[in-house]
Amino acid sequence: MPRYDAVEVVPAAYGACPAVLAIAGKRFLSRELPKLPLPDCDKPHCECGYRRHRDRRAGSRRSGGLQGAKLEIEQEQRDRRTPDIRGRRRTDGGPR
């Protein structure tokens, strides 16, 4: 199973360059991580950093709408078995 460890570029507290601000908050796969300082950085000394995440995806990818639709279908179904029939064979114990 592939891993999706991620890294986010975190701008310096004061004076981050426009290049970092443009990608701030975006998650990158660890193997696609942009090296700091970025090529377009105009600061003499880069103080930006990285924040690690366990997964590149920010939230759950499961659709809540699909699960809700299944629940509604299950609630609308009614029990179609008749209570006086307990099986198909004579030895099943139901009245015949």
Foldseek 3Di string as FASTA:
>chain_A
DDFAKWKFKAADPPDGFPVNVVRGPQIDRPVPDQDPPHPPGPDPDGPIDMDIDRHNDPDDPDDPVVVVVVVVVVVPDDDPDDPQDQDDDPPSPGDD
